Structures are given as structure tokens and as C-alpha cells.
Amino acid sequence: MEIKMPKLDVTMTEGTFMGWLVPDGANVSAGEDLYTVGTDKVQVDVPAPCDGVLRHGNIEEEAVYPVGTTLGVVET
């Protein structure tokens, strides 16, 4: 399952990928926080949508990405 830049509010079009909270290749459980996203108003830890193995995508910390950009994958 793809991990994407979330839309945290109705006006959000992009967000800053702050970093991974879980290492690449780690087993994760649904609901476990995977990464942090920031906007000019808030920083939010985003949970895993399912159980599986986290694979980081080719993205950079502190970089801005449009909503919907694939950040990584949870392999089930």
C-alpha cells in the first residue's frame, strides 16, 4: 500500500516531509506512527494504514511535496 503526502485540511495543497519515525525495512503495525508532516500551522505524525514492511521512497527530509505524492510503501 502506497504511503502518500496526506491532505490535513481542505485548503492544503502541499506539505513538508519532516522525516521517518521508523527505519526502512522495519515491520510496522496498522496505527503505528510512520513519519511526520509539517505545514505552516501544524506538525502531524502519520500512522501506518496496515500491517507490513515499510519501504522508504526516494524523498528528502525537510522537502516540500504536493498532496498525494508517494513517500513510501507498506508491503503486505
PDB file of N, CA and C in Angstrom:
ATOM      1  N   MET A   1       0.850  -1.175   0.000  1.00  0.00           N
ATOM      2  CA  MET A   1       0.000   0.000   0.000  1.00  0.00           C
ATOM      3  C   MET A   1       0.896   1.240   0.000  1.00  0.00           C
ATOM      4  N   GLU A   2       0.600   2.160  -0.914  1.00  0.00           N
ATOM      5  CA  GLU A   2       1.397   3.376  -1.007  1.00  0.00           C
ATOM      6  C   GLU A   2       1.146   4.296   0.190  1.00  0.00           C
ATOM      7  N   ILE A   3       2.216   4.926   0.639  1.00  0.00           N
ATOM      8  CA  ILE A   3       2.153   5.933   1.694  1.00  0.00           C
ATOM      9  C   ILE A   3       2.279   7.277   0.987  1.00  0.00           C
ATOM     10  N   LYS A   4       1.271   8.130   1.122  1.00  0.00           N
ATOM     11  CA  LYS A   4       1.249   9.384   0.370  1.00  0.00           C
ATOM     12  C   LYS A   4       1.211  10.596   1.292  1.00  0.00           C
ATOM     13  N   MET A   5       1.626  11.736   0.731  1.00  0.00           N
ATOM     14  CA  MET A   5       1.503  13.001   1.453  1.00  0.00           C
ATOM     15  C   MET A   5       0.014  13.240   1.702  1.00  0.00           C
ATOM     16  N   PRO A   6      -0.386  13.309   2.970  1.00  0.00           N
ATOM     17  CA  PRO A   6      -1.814  13.455   3.279  1.00  0.00           C
ATOM     18  C   PRO A   6      -2.302  14.890   3.099  1.00  0.00           C
ATOM     19  N   LYS A   7      -3.601  15.015   2.951  1.00  0.00           N
ATOM     20  CA  LYS A   7      -4.253  16.328   2.933  1.00  0.00           C
ATOM     21  C   LYS A   7      -4.809  16.543   4.333  1.00  0.00           C
ATOM     22  N   LEU A   8      -4.151  17.398   5.115  1.00  0.00           N
ATOM     23  CA  LEU A   8      -4.502  17.578   6.521  1.00  0.00           C
ATOM     24  C   LEU A   8      -5.667  18.537   6.737  1.00  0.00           C
ATOM     25  N   ASP A   9      -5.947  19.391   5.758  1.00  0.00           N
ATOM     26  CA  ASP A   9      -7.130  20.250   5.826  1.00  0.00           C
ATOM     27  C   ASP A   9      -7.599  20.552   4.407  1.00  0.00           C
ATOM     28  N   VAL A  10      -8.753  21.162   4.287  1.00  0.00           N
ATOM     29  CA  VAL A  10      -9.371  21.347   2.971  1.00  0.00           C
ATOM     30  C   VAL A  10      -8.581  22.267   2.046  1.00  0.00           C
ATOM     31  N   THR A  11      -7.759  23.149   2.599  1.00  0.00           N
ATOM     32  CA  THR A  11      -7.006  24.080   1.765  1.00  0.00           C
ATOM     33  C   THR A  11      -5.575  23.626   1.491  1.00  0.00           C
ATOM     34  N   MET A  12      -5.144  22.541   2.108  1.00  0.00           N
ATOM     35  CA  MET A  12      -3.754  22.082   1.959  1.00  0.00           C
ATOM     36  C   MET A  12      -3.499  21.551   0.548  1.00  0.00           C
ATOM     37  N   THR A  13      -2.436  22.065  -0.085  1.00  0.00           N
ATOM     38  CA  THR A  13      -2.044  21.586  -1.412  1.00  0.00           C
ATOM     39  C   THR A  13      -0.668  20.934  -1.400  1.00  0.00           C
ATOM     40  N   GLU A  14       0.120  21.225  -0.346  1.00  0.00           N
ATOM     41  CA  GLU A  14       1.450  20.640  -0.204  1.00  0.00           C
ATOM     42  C   GLU A  14       1.828  20.616   1.268  1.00  0.00           C
ATOM     43  N   GLY A  15       2.825  19.796   1.581  1.00  0.00           N
ATOM     44  CA  GLY A  15       3.295  19.701   2.953  1.00  0.00           C
ATOM     45  C   GLY A  15       4.782  19.413   2.975  1.00  0.00           C
ATOM     46  N   THR A  16       5.399  19.642   4.123  1.00  0.00           N
ATOM     47  CA  THR A  16       6.821  19.368   4.292  1.00  0.00           C
ATOM     48  C   THR A  16       6.993  18.000   4.924  1.00  0.00           C
ATOM     49  N   PHE A  17       7.752  17.130   4.256  1.00  0.00           N
ATOM     50  CA  PHE A  17       8.077  15.821   4.814  1.00  0.00           C
ATOM     51  C   PHE A  17       9.186  16.050   5.829  1.00  0.00           C
ATOM     52  N   MET A  18       8.863  15.880   7.118  1.00  0.00           N
ATOM     53  CA  MET A  18       9.808  16.177   8.189  1.00  0.00           C
ATOM     54  C   MET A  18      10.774  15.028   8.458  1.00  0.00           C
ATOM     55  N   GLY A  19      10.335  13.791   8.183  1.00  0.00           N
ATOM     56  CA  GLY A  19      11.220  12.646   8.389  1.00  0.00           C
ATOM     57  C   GLY A  19      10.478  11.397   8.806  1.00  0.00           C
ATOM     58  N   TRP A  20      11.171  10.276   8.633  1.00  0.00           N
ATOM     59  CA  TRP A  20      10.639   8.967   9.025  1.00  0.00           C
ATOM     60  C   TRP A  20      10.826   8.748  10.516  1.00  0.00           C
ATOM     61  N   LEU A  21       9.873   8.096  11.145  1.00  0.00           N
ATOM     62  CA  LEU A  21       9.958   7.711  12.556  1.00  0.00           C
ATOM     63  C   LEU A  21      10.335   6.236  12.692  1.00  0.00           C
ATOM     64  N   VAL A  22      10.293   5.504  11.569  1.00  0.00           N
ATOM     65  CA  VAL A  22      10.555   4.063  11.533  1.00  0.00           C
ATOM     66  C   VAL A  22      11.599   3.812  10.443  1.00  0.00           C
ATOM     67  N   PRO A  23      12.598   2.970  10.715  1.00  0.00           N
ATOM     68  CA  PRO A  23      13.628   2.714   9.700  1.00  0.00           C
ATOM     69  C   PRO A  23      13.110   1.933   8.494  1.00  0.00           C
ATOM     70  N   ASP A  24      13.785   2.113   7.368  1.00  0.00           N
ATOM     71  CA  ASP A  24      13.473   1.377   6.148  1.00  0.00           C
ATOM     72  C   ASP A  24      13.625  -0.119   6.400  1.00  0.00           C
ATOM     73  N   GLY A  25      12.645  -0.894   5.945  1.00  0.00           N
ATOM     74  CA  GLY A  25      12.696  -2.345   6.099  1.00  0.00           C
ATOM     75  C   GLY A  25      12.118  -2.865   7.400  1.00  0.00           C
ATOM     76  N   ALA A  26      11.634  -1.963   8.250  1.00  0.00           N
ATOM     77  CA  ALA A  26      11.080  -2.380   9.542  1.00  0.00           C
ATOM     78  C   ALA A  26       9.656  -2.912   9.378  1.00  0.00           C
ATOM     79  N   ASN A  27       9.299  -3.868  10.221  1.00  0.00           N
ATOM     80  CA  ASN A  27       7.913  -4.332  10.302  1.00  0.00           C
ATOM     81  C   ASN A  27       7.110  -3.275  11.047  1.00  0.00           C
ATOM     82  N   VAL A  28       5.938  -2.940  10.506  1.00  0.00           N
ATOM     83  CA  VAL A  28       5.075  -1.941  11.135  1.00  0.00           C
ATOM     84  C   VAL A  28       3.679  -2.517  11.324  1.00  0.00           C
ATOM     85  N   SER A  29       2.971  -1.958  12.282  1.00  0.00           N
ATOM     86  CA  SER A  29       1.590  -2.361  12.563  1.00  0.00           C
ATOM     87  C   SER A  29       0.651  -1.220  12.211  1.00  0.00           C
ATOM     88  N   ALA A  30      -0.553  -1.559  11.784  1.00  0.00           N
ATOM     89  CA  ALA A  30      -1.561  -0.542  11.485  1.00  0.00           C
ATOM     90  C   ALA A  30      -1.722   0.377  12.688  1.00  0.00           C
ATOM     91  N   GLY A  31      -1.709   1.674  12.437  1.00  0.00           N
ATOM     92  CA  GLY A  31      -1.861   2.654  13.503  1.00  0.00           C
ATOM     93  C   GLY A  31      -0.555   3.143  14.094  1.00  0.00           C
ATOM     94  N   GLU A  32       0.560   2.470  13.795  1.00  0.00           N
ATOM     95  CA  GLU A  32       1.879   2.887  14.288  1.00  0.00           C
ATOM     96  C   GLU A  32       2.333   4.115  13.503  1.00  0.00           C
ATOM     97  N   ASP A  33       2.822   5.150  14.203  1.00  0.00           N
ATOM     98  CA  ASP A  33       3.275   6.364  13.524  1.00  0.00           C
ATOM     99  C   ASP A  33       4.496   6.064  12.656  1.00  0.00           C
ATOM    100  N   LEU A  34       4.431   6.485  11.369  1.00  0.00           N
ATOM    101  CA  LEU A  34       5.495   6.206  10.400  1.00  0.00           C
ATOM    102  C   LEU A  34       6.375   7.408  10.098  1.00  0.00           C
ATOM    103  N   TYR A  35       5.761   8.574   9.953  1.00  0.00           N
ATOM    104  CA  TYR A  35       6.506   9.762   9.534  1.00  0.00           C
ATOM    105  C   TYR A  35       5.792  11.015  10.016  1.00  0.00           C
ATOM    106  N   THR A  36       6.501  12.142   9.914  1.00  0.00           N
ATOM    107  CA  THR A  36       5.949  13.423  10.344  1.00  0.00           C
ATOM    108  C   THR A  36       5.825  14.355   9.144  1.00  0.00           C
ATOM    109  N   VAL A  37       4.681  15.025   9.059  1.00  0.00           N
ATOM    110  CA  VAL A  37       4.403  16.012   8.018  1.00  0.00           C
ATOM    111  C   VAL A  37       4.174  17.354   8.695  1.00  0.00           C
ATOM    112  N   GLY A  38       4.703  18.407   8.092  1.00  0.00           N
ATOM    113  CA  GLY A  38       4.504  19.735   8.637  1.00  0.00           C
ATOM    114  C   GLY A  38       3.869  20.675   7.631  1.00  0.00           C
ATOM    115  N   THR A  39       3.107  21.625   8.159  1.00  0.00           N
ATOM    116  CA  THR A  39       2.577  22.732   7.360  1.00  0.00           C
ATOM    117  C   THR A  39       2.958  24.006   8.102  1.00  0.00           C
ATOM    118  N   ASP A  40       2.516  25.138   7.593  1.00  0.00           N
ATOM    119  CA  ASP A  40       2.809  26.388   8.295  1.00  0.00           C
ATOM    120  C   ASP A  40       2.050  26.497   9.614  1.00  0.00           C
ATOM    121  N   LYS A  41       1.069  25.602   9.835  1.00  0.00           N
ATOM    122  CA  LYS A  41       0.241  25.662  11.040  1.00  0.00           C
ATOM    123  C   LYS A  41       0.493  24.539  12.040  1.00  0.00           C
ATOM    124  N   VAL A  42       0.929  23.366  11.579  1.00  0.00           N
ATOM    125  CA  VAL A  42       0.956  22.197  12.458  1.00  0.00           C
ATOM    126  C   VAL A  42       1.959  21.157  11.963  1.00  0.00           C
ATOM    127  N   GLN A  43       2.412  20.302  12.895  1.00  0.00           N
ATOM    128  CA  GLN A  43       3.169  19.099  12.544  1.00  0.00           C
ATOM    129  C   GLN A  43       2.367  17.906  13.030  1.00  0.00           C
ATOM    130  N   VAL A  44       2.250  16.877  12.180  1.00  0.00           N
ATOM    131  CA  VAL A  44       1.427  15.716  12.488  1.00  0.00           C
ATOM    132  C   VAL A  44       2.204  14.444  12.190  1.00  0.00           C
ATOM    133  N   ASP A  45       2.155  13.484  13.129  1.00  0.00           N
ATOM    134  CA  ASP A  45       2.691  12.145  12.881  1.00  0.00           C
ATOM    135  C   ASP A  45       1.608  11.342  12.181  1.00  0.00           C
ATOM    136  N   VAL A  46       1.980  10.680  11.081  1.00  0.00           N
ATOM    137  CA  VAL A  46       1.010   9.959  10.256  1.00  0.00           C
ATOM    138  C   VAL A  46       1.174   8.458  10.484  1.00  0.00           C
ATOM    139  N   PRO A  47       0.072   7.749  10.802  1.00  0.00           N
ATOM    140  CA  PRO A  47       0.148   6.321  11.117  1.00  0.00           C
ATOM    141  C   PRO A  47       0.128   5.421   9.879  1.00  0.00           C
ATOM    142  N   ALA A  48       0.591   4.192  10.084  1.00  0.00           N
ATOM    143  CA  ALA A  48       0.545   3.163   9.041  1.00  0.00           C
ATOM    144  C   ALA A  48      -0.905   2.784   8.771  1.00  0.00           C
ATOM    145  N   PRO A  49      -1.267   2.606   7.495  1.00  0.00           N
ATOM    146  CA  PRO A  49      -2.631   2.220   7.165  1.00  0.00           C
ATOM    147  C   PRO A  49      -2.890   0.724   7.337  1.00  0.00           C
ATOM    148  N   CYS A  50      -1.805  -0.063   7.445  1.00  0.00           N
ATOM    149  CA  CYS A  50      -1.940  -1.516   7.527  1.00  0.00           C
ATOM    150  C   CYS A  50      -0.659  -2.114   8.103  1.00  0.00           C
ATOM    151  N   ASP A  51      -0.704  -3.398   8.427  1.00  0.00           N
ATOM    152  CA  ASP A  51       0.486  -4.125   8.862  1.00  0.00           C
ATOM    153  C   ASP A  51       1.347  -4.447   7.645  1.00  0.00           C
ATOM    154  N   GLY A  52       2.665  -4.481   7.831  1.00  0.00           N
ATOM    155  CA  GLY A  52       3.551  -4.860   6.735  1.00  0.00           C
ATOM    156  C   GLY A  52       4.974  -4.408   6.982  1.00  0.00           C
ATOM    157  N   VAL A  53       5.739  -4.322   5.894  1.00  0.00           N
ATOM    158  CA  VAL A  53       7.138  -3.897   5.941  1.00  0.00           C
ATOM    159  C   VAL A  53       7.236  -2.531   5.267  1.00  0.00           C
ATOM    160  N   LEU A  54       7.803  -1.556   5.973  1.00  0.00           N
ATOM    161  CA  LEU A  54       7.931  -0.200   5.448  1.00  0.00           C
ATOM    162  C   LEU A  54       9.123  -0.099   4.509  1.00  0.00           C
ATOM    163  N   ARG A  55       8.890   0.467   3.341  1.00  0.00           N
ATOM    164  CA  ARG A  55       9.952   0.770   2.379  1.00  0.00           C
ATOM    165  C   ARG A  55       9.904   2.271   2.102  1.00  0.00           C
ATOM    166  N   HIS A  56      10.990   2.964   2.451  1.00  0.00           N
ATOM    167  CA  HIS A  56      11.072   4.398   2.206  1.00  0.00           C
ATOM    168  C   HIS A  56      11.156   4.668   0.708  1.00  0.00           C
ATOM    169  N   GLY A  57      10.535   5.732   0.271  1.00  0.00           N
ATOM    170  CA  GLY A  57      10.634   6.163  -1.116  1.00  0.00           C
ATOM    171  C   GLY A  57      11.850   7.054  -1.312  1.00  0.00           C
ATOM    172  N   ASN A  58      12.040   7.503  -2.529  1.00  0.00           N
ATOM    173  CA  ASN A  58      13.166   8.364  -2.881  1.00  0.00           C
ATOM    174  C   ASN A  58      12.776   9.824  -2.645  1.00  0.00           C
ATOM    175  N   ILE A  59      12.715  10.192  -1.364  1.00  0.00           N
ATOM    176  CA  ILE A  59      12.317  11.539  -0.979  1.00  0.00           C
ATOM    177  C   ILE A  59      13.317  12.081   0.025  1.00  0.00           C
ATOM    178  N   GLU A  60      13.297  13.384   0.225  1.00  0.00           N
ATOM    179  CA  GLU A  60      14.242  14.032   1.128  1.00  0.00           C
ATOM    180  C   GLU A  60      13.519  14.642   2.323  1.00  0.00           C
ATOM    181  N   GLU A  61      14.172  14.556   3.493  1.00  0.00           N
ATOM    182  CA  GLU A  61      13.635  15.207   4.688  1.00  0.00           C
ATOM    183  C   GLU A  61      13.683  16.719   4.502  1.00  0.00           C
ATOM    184  N   GLU A  62      12.723  17.391   5.113  1.00  0.00           N
ATOM    185  CA  GLU A  62      12.599  18.851   5.080  1.00  0.00           C
ATOM    186  C   GLU A  62      12.269  19.380   3.686  1.00  0.00           C
ATOM    187  N   ALA A  63      11.848  18.502   2.778  1.00  0.00           N
ATOM    188  CA  ALA A  63      11.456  18.929   1.431  1.00  0.00           C
ATOM    189  C   ALA A  63       9.934  19.048   1.351  1.00  0.00           C
ATOM    190  N   VAL A  64       9.463  19.923   0.475  1.00  0.00           N
ATOM    191  CA  VAL A  64       8.032  20.161   0.287  1.00  0.00           C
ATOM    192  C   VAL A  64       7.542  19.324  -0.894  1.00  0.00           C
ATOM    193  N   TYR A  65       6.405  18.624  -0.671  1.00  0.00           N
ATOM    194  CA  TYR A  65       5.814  17.768  -1.702  1.00  0.00           C
ATOM    195  C   TYR A  65       4.319  18.057  -1.816  1.00  0.00           C
ATOM    196  N   PRO A  66       3.768  17.950  -3.033  1.00  0.00           N
ATOM    197  CA  PRO A  66       2.324  18.116  -3.210  1.00  0.00           C
ATOM    198  C   PRO A  66       1.542  17.009  -2.505  1.00  0.00           C
ATOM    199  N   VAL A  67       0.327  17.327  -2.081  1.00  0.00           N
ATOM    200  CA  VAL A  67      -0.580  16.323  -1.522  1.00  0.00           C
ATOM    201  C   VAL A  67      -0.722  15.195  -2.544  1.00  0.00           C
ATOM    202  N   GLY A  68      -0.662  13.952  -2.067  1.00  0.00           N
ATOM    203  CA  GLY A  68      -0.810  12.793  -2.938  1.00  0.00           C
ATOM    204  C   GLY A  68       0.497  12.210  -3.438  1.00  0.00           C
ATOM    205  N   THR A  69       1.629  12.893  -3.202  1.00  0.00           N
ATOM    206  CA  THR A  69       2.934  12.369  -3.608  1.00  0.00           C
ATOM    207  C   THR A  69       3.232  11.089  -2.840  1.00  0.00           C
ATOM    208  N   THR A  70       3.706  10.059  -3.529  1.00  0.00           N
ATOM    209  CA  THR A  70       4.074   8.807  -2.867  1.00  0.00           C
ATOM    210  C   THR A  70       5.384   9.007  -2.111  1.00  0.00           C
ATOM    211  N   LEU A  71       5.343   8.733  -0.804  1.00  0.00           N
ATOM    212  CA  LEU A  71       6.506   8.890   0.062  1.00  0.00           C
ATOM    213  C   LEU A  71       7.199   7.558   0.329  1.00  0.00           C
ATOM    214  N   GLY A  72       6.455   6.486   0.246  1.00  0.00           N
ATOM    215  CA  GLY A  72       6.974   5.149   0.516  1.00  0.00           C
ATOM    216  C   GLY A  72       5.870   4.130   0.313  1.00  0.00           C
ATOM    217  N   VAL A  73       6.146   2.900   0.765  1.00  0.00           N
ATOM    218  CA  VAL A  73       5.204   1.796   0.585  1.00  0.00           C
ATOM    219  C   VAL A  73       5.229   0.923   1.831  1.00  0.00           C
ATOM    220  N   VAL A  74       4.061   0.397   2.218  1.00  0.00           N
ATOM    221  CA  VAL A  74       3.998  -0.674   3.212  1.00  0.00           C
ATOM    222  C   VAL A  74       3.663  -1.941   2.433  1.00  0.00           C
ATOM    223  N   GLU A  75       4.637  -2.859   2.384  1.00  0.00           N
ATOM    224  CA  GLU A  75       4.437  -4.129   1.683  1.00  0.00           C
ATOM    225  C   GLU A  75       3.711  -5.084   2.615  1.00  0.00           C
ATOM    226  N   THR A  76       2.591  -5.634   2.145  1.00  0.00           N
ATOM    227  CA  THR A  76       1.810  -6.543   2.981  1.00  0.00           C
ATOM    228  C   THR A  76       2.036  -7.977   2.580  1.00  0.00           C
TER     229      THR A  76
END
